[in-house]
Amino acid sequence: MYSVTHPSKEQVRAYMRWRKGARQAPPAPYEIRRQLACSLVDVSPAILAVQGWQLSADMARLGTLMAIAWLMDSGVAHRKN
């Protein structure tokens, strides 16, 4: 799986100012990416697995907090010992 690194807005603006002054046909997309140092980065399956695990843990935490809030707001009678 690949992730794309994007150039900063300043880099793109500088490139567009430079291109505006050049009286040539625009280059191919891969050449524009090369000039702006935009590249594809390989994302390993291990990184994706960690991100998935983190999302699962966050969803479980959110579900627990929502259940507690629901119980507290619903007025469920609590027994006192």
N, C-alpha and C. Protein backbone atom coordinates (compact mmCIF):
# COMPACT_ATOMS: atom_id res chain seq x y z
N MET A 1 0.84 -1.16 0.00
CA MET A 1 0.00 0.00 0.00
C MET A 1 0.89 1.23 0.00
N TYR A 2 0.45 2.28 -0.68
CA TYR A 2 1.25 3.47 -0.81
C TYR A 2 0.53 4.70 -0.27
N SER A 3 1.31 5.62 0.22
CA SER A 3 0.80 6.90 0.70
C SER A 3 1.54 7.99 -0.09
N VAL A 4 0.85 9.07 -0.41
CA VAL A 4 1.44 10.13 -1.22
C VAL A 4 1.88 11.27 -0.32
N THR A 5 3.12 11.73 -0.51
CA THR A 5 3.58 12.91 0.20
C THR A 5 3.31 14.11 -0.71
N HIS A 6 2.73 15.15 -0.15
CA HIS A 6 2.36 16.32 -0.94
C HIS A 6 3.31 17.47 -0.66
N PRO A 7 3.58 18.30 -1.68
CA PRO A 7 4.41 19.48 -1.44
C PRO A 7 3.62 20.52 -0.65
N SER A 8 4.34 21.44 -0.05
CA SER A 8 3.67 22.50 0.72
C SER A 8 3.00 23.49 -0.24
N LYS A 9 2.10 24.30 0.30
CA LYS A 9 1.42 25.31 -0.51
C LYS A 9 2.41 26.30 -1.09
N GLU A 10 3.43 26.64 -0.31
CA GLU A 10 4.43 27.59 -0.78
C GLU A 10 5.19 27.04 -1.98
N GLN A 11 5.52 25.75 -1.92
CA GLN A 11 6.23 25.13 -3.04
C GLN A 11 5.37 25.14 -4.29
N VAL A 12 4.09 24.84 -4.14
CA VAL A 12 3.19 24.81 -5.29
C VAL A 12 3.03 26.22 -5.86
N ARG A 13 2.87 27.21 -4.99
CA ARG A 13 2.73 28.59 -5.47
C ARG A 13 3.98 29.06 -6.20
N ALA A 14 5.14 28.75 -5.65
CA ALA A 14 6.40 29.12 -6.32
C ALA A 14 6.50 28.43 -7.67
N TYR A 15 6.13 27.17 -7.73
CA TYR A 15 6.17 26.43 -9.00
C TYR A 15 5.21 27.06 -10.01
N MET A 16 4.00 27.44 -9.56
CA MET A 16 3.03 28.03 -10.47
C MET A 16 3.51 29.40 -10.96
N ARG A 17 4.16 30.20 -10.10
CA ARG A 17 4.72 31.48 -10.55
C ARG A 17 5.80 31.24 -11.60
N TRP A 18 6.63 30.24 -11.37
CA TRP A 18 7.69 29.92 -12.32
C TRP A 18 7.10 29.45 -13.65
N ARG A 19 6.06 28.60 -13.57
CA ARG A 19 5.42 28.08 -14.78
C ARG A 19 4.72 29.19 -15.57
N LYS A 20 4.17 30.17 -14.85
CA LYS A 20 3.48 31.27 -15.52
C LYS A 20 4.45 32.05 -16.41
N GLY A 21 5.68 32.19 -15.94
CA GLY A 21 6.69 32.92 -16.71
C GLY A 21 7.24 32.12 -17.88
N ALA A 22 7.19 30.81 -17.79
CA ALA A 22 7.71 29.96 -18.87
C ALA A 22 6.68 29.88 -19.99
N ARG A 23 7.12 30.08 -21.19
CA ARG A 23 6.22 30.05 -22.35
C ARG A 23 6.35 28.69 -23.05
N GLN A 24 6.05 27.65 -22.30
CA GLN A 24 6.14 26.29 -22.84
C GLN A 24 4.89 25.53 -22.45
N ALA A 25 4.70 24.42 -23.12
CA ALA A 25 3.59 23.54 -22.76
C ALA A 25 3.86 22.95 -21.37
N PRO A 26 2.83 22.68 -20.60
CA PRO A 26 3.06 22.11 -19.28
C PRO A 26 3.70 20.73 -19.38
N PRO A 27 4.56 20.40 -18.44
CA PRO A 27 5.20 19.08 -18.45
C PRO A 27 4.21 17.99 -18.05
N ALA A 28 4.65 16.77 -18.21
CA ALA A 28 3.84 15.61 -17.83
C ALA A 28 3.65 15.59 -16.31
N PRO A 29 2.56 14.99 -15.83
CA PRO A 29 2.31 14.96 -14.39
C PRO A 29 3.46 14.38 -13.57
N TYR A 30 4.10 13.31 -14.06
CA TYR A 30 5.20 12.73 -13.30
C TYR A 30 6.38 13.70 -13.19
N GLU A 31 6.57 14.54 -14.22
CA GLU A 31 7.65 15.52 -14.18
C GLU A 31 7.33 16.63 -13.16
N ILE A 32 6.07 17.03 -13.09
CA ILE A 32 5.66 18.02 -12.08
C ILE A 32 5.88 17.46 -10.69
N ARG A 33 5.50 16.19 -10.47
CA ARG A 33 5.71 15.57 -9.15
C ARG A 33 7.19 15.51 -8.81
N ARG A 34 8.02 15.21 -9.81
CA ARG A 34 9.46 15.13 -9.57
C ARG A 34 10.01 16.50 -9.19
N GLN A 35 9.59 17.55 -9.89
CA GLN A 35 10.08 18.89 -9.62
C GLN A 35 9.64 19.39 -8.24
N LEU A 36 8.47 18.97 -7.80
CA LEU A 36 7.96 19.39 -6.49
C LEU A 36 8.33 18.41 -5.38
N ALA A 37 9.10 17.39 -5.69
CA ALA A 37 9.52 16.37 -4.72
C ALA A 37 8.32 15.68 -4.09
N CYS A 38 7.31 15.43 -4.87
CA CYS A 38 6.13 14.70 -4.42
C CYS A 38 6.38 13.22 -4.74
N SER A 39 6.20 12.35 -3.78
CA SER A 39 6.53 10.95 -4.03
C SER A 39 5.54 10.02 -3.36
N LEU A 40 5.63 8.76 -3.74
CA LEU A 40 4.84 7.71 -3.11
C LEU A 40 5.68 7.06 -2.02
N VAL A 41 5.09 6.85 -0.87
CA VAL A 41 5.78 6.24 0.26
C VAL A 41 5.12 4.90 0.54
N ASP A 42 5.92 3.87 0.67
CA ASP A 42 5.40 2.54 0.97
C ASP A 42 4.98 2.47 2.43
N VAL A 43 3.74 2.05 2.66
CA VAL A 43 3.23 1.88 4.03
C VAL A 43 3.17 0.38 4.31
N SER A 44 3.88 -0.05 5.34
CA SER A 44 3.96 -1.48 5.64
C SER A 44 2.66 -1.98 6.27
N PRO A 45 2.38 -3.28 6.11
CA PRO A 45 1.20 -3.86 6.75
C PRO A 45 1.22 -3.75 8.27
N ALA A 46 2.42 -3.73 8.86
CA ALA A 46 2.52 -3.60 10.32
C ALA A 46 1.98 -2.25 10.79
N ILE A 47 2.29 -1.20 10.04
CA ILE A 47 1.80 0.13 10.40
C ILE A 47 0.29 0.18 10.29
N LEU A 48 -0.26 -0.42 9.23
CA LEU A 48 -1.70 -0.45 9.05
C LEU A 48 -2.38 -1.25 10.18
N ALA A 49 -1.73 -2.34 10.61
CA ALA A 49 -2.30 -3.15 11.69
C ALA A 49 -2.34 -2.37 13.00
N VAL A 50 -1.29 -1.62 13.28
CA VAL A 50 -1.25 -0.82 14.50
C VAL A 50 -2.33 0.25 14.46
N GLN A 51 -2.49 0.90 13.29
CA GLN A 51 -3.53 1.92 13.17
C GLN A 51 -4.91 1.30 13.35
N GLY A 52 -5.13 0.11 12.81
CA GLY A 52 -6.41 -0.57 12.97
C GLY A 52 -6.67 -0.94 14.41
N TRP A 53 -5.65 -1.41 15.11
CA TRP A 53 -5.77 -1.76 16.52
C TRP A 53 -6.11 -0.52 17.34
N GLN A 54 -5.46 0.60 17.04
CA GLN A 54 -5.72 1.84 17.75
C GLN A 54 -7.16 2.29 17.53
N LEU A 55 -7.66 2.18 16.30
CA LEU A 55 -9.04 2.55 16.01
C LEU A 55 -10.01 1.66 16.78
N SER A 56 -9.73 0.35 16.85
CA SER A 56 -10.59 -0.57 17.59
C SER A 56 -10.64 -0.20 19.07
N ALA A 57 -9.49 0.12 19.64
CA ALA A 57 -9.44 0.50 21.05
C ALA A 57 -10.20 1.81 21.29
N ASP A 58 -10.05 2.77 20.38
CA ASP A 58 -10.77 4.04 20.52
C ASP A 58 -12.27 3.83 20.42
N MET A 59 -12.71 2.97 19.52
CA MET A 59 -14.15 2.71 19.37
C MET A 59 -14.71 2.02 20.62
N ALA A 60 -13.95 1.09 21.21
CA ALA A 60 -14.39 0.42 22.43
C ALA A 60 -14.50 1.42 23.57
N ARG A 61 -13.54 2.31 23.68
CA ARG A 61 -13.56 3.34 24.72
C ARG A 61 -14.77 4.26 24.53
N LEU A 62 -15.03 4.67 23.30
CA LEU A 62 -16.17 5.53 23.01
C LEU A 62 -17.48 4.83 23.35
N GLY A 63 -17.60 3.55 22.99
CA GLY A 63 -18.81 2.80 23.31
C GLY A 63 -19.05 2.70 24.81
N THR A 64 -18.00 2.50 25.56
CA THR A 64 -18.10 2.42 27.02
C THR A 64 -18.56 3.76 27.60
N LEU A 65 -17.94 4.84 27.14
CA LEU A 65 -18.33 6.16 27.64
C LEU A 65 -19.76 6.50 27.27
N MET A 66 -20.20 6.12 26.09
CA MET A 66 -21.58 6.38 25.69
C MET A 66 -22.57 5.58 26.54
N ALA A 67 -22.22 4.34 26.86
CA ALA A 67 -23.09 3.52 27.71
C ALA A 67 -23.19 4.11 29.11
N ILE A 68 -22.09 4.57 29.65
CA ILE A 68 -22.10 5.20 30.98
C ILE A 68 -22.95 6.46 30.96
N ALA A 69 -22.77 7.29 29.93
CA ALA A 69 -23.56 8.52 29.82
C ALA A 69 -25.04 8.20 29.68
N TRP A 70 -25.38 7.18 28.92
CA TRP A 70 -26.78 6.79 28.75
C TRP A 70 -27.38 6.33 30.07
N LEU A 71 -26.64 5.52 30.82
CA LEU A 71 -27.12 5.05 32.12
C LEU A 71 -27.32 6.19 33.10
N MET A 72 -26.40 7.15 33.08
CA MET A 72 -26.51 8.26 34.02
C MET A 72 -27.64 9.21 33.63
N ASP A 73 -27.88 9.40 32.35
CA ASP A 73 -28.93 10.32 31.91
C ASP A 73 -30.32 9.69 31.89
N SER A 74 -30.38 8.37 31.82
CA SER A 74 -31.69 7.72 31.69
C SER A 74 -32.43 7.60 33.02
N GLY A 75 -31.77 7.88 34.10
CA GLY A 75 -32.44 7.81 35.39
C GLY A 75 -32.64 6.39 35.86
N VAL A 76 -31.79 5.47 35.46
CA VAL A 76 -31.90 4.10 35.92
C VAL A 76 -31.68 4.10 37.43
N ALA A 77 -32.59 3.44 38.14
CA ALA A 77 -32.52 3.40 39.60
C ALA A 77 -31.30 2.59 40.03
N HIS A 78 -30.53 3.18 40.91
CA HIS A 78 -29.36 2.48 41.44
C HIS A 78 -29.69 1.99 42.84
N ARG A 79 -29.31 0.76 43.13
CA ARG A 79 -29.53 0.22 44.49
C ARG A 79 -28.48 0.74 45.43
N LYS A 80 -28.93 1.04 46.64
CA LYS A 80 -27.98 1.41 47.69
C LYS A 80 -27.88 0.24 48.65
N ASN A 81 -26.70 -0.16 48.95
CA ASN A 81 -26.49 -1.28 49.87
C ASN A 81 -26.44 -0.80 51.29
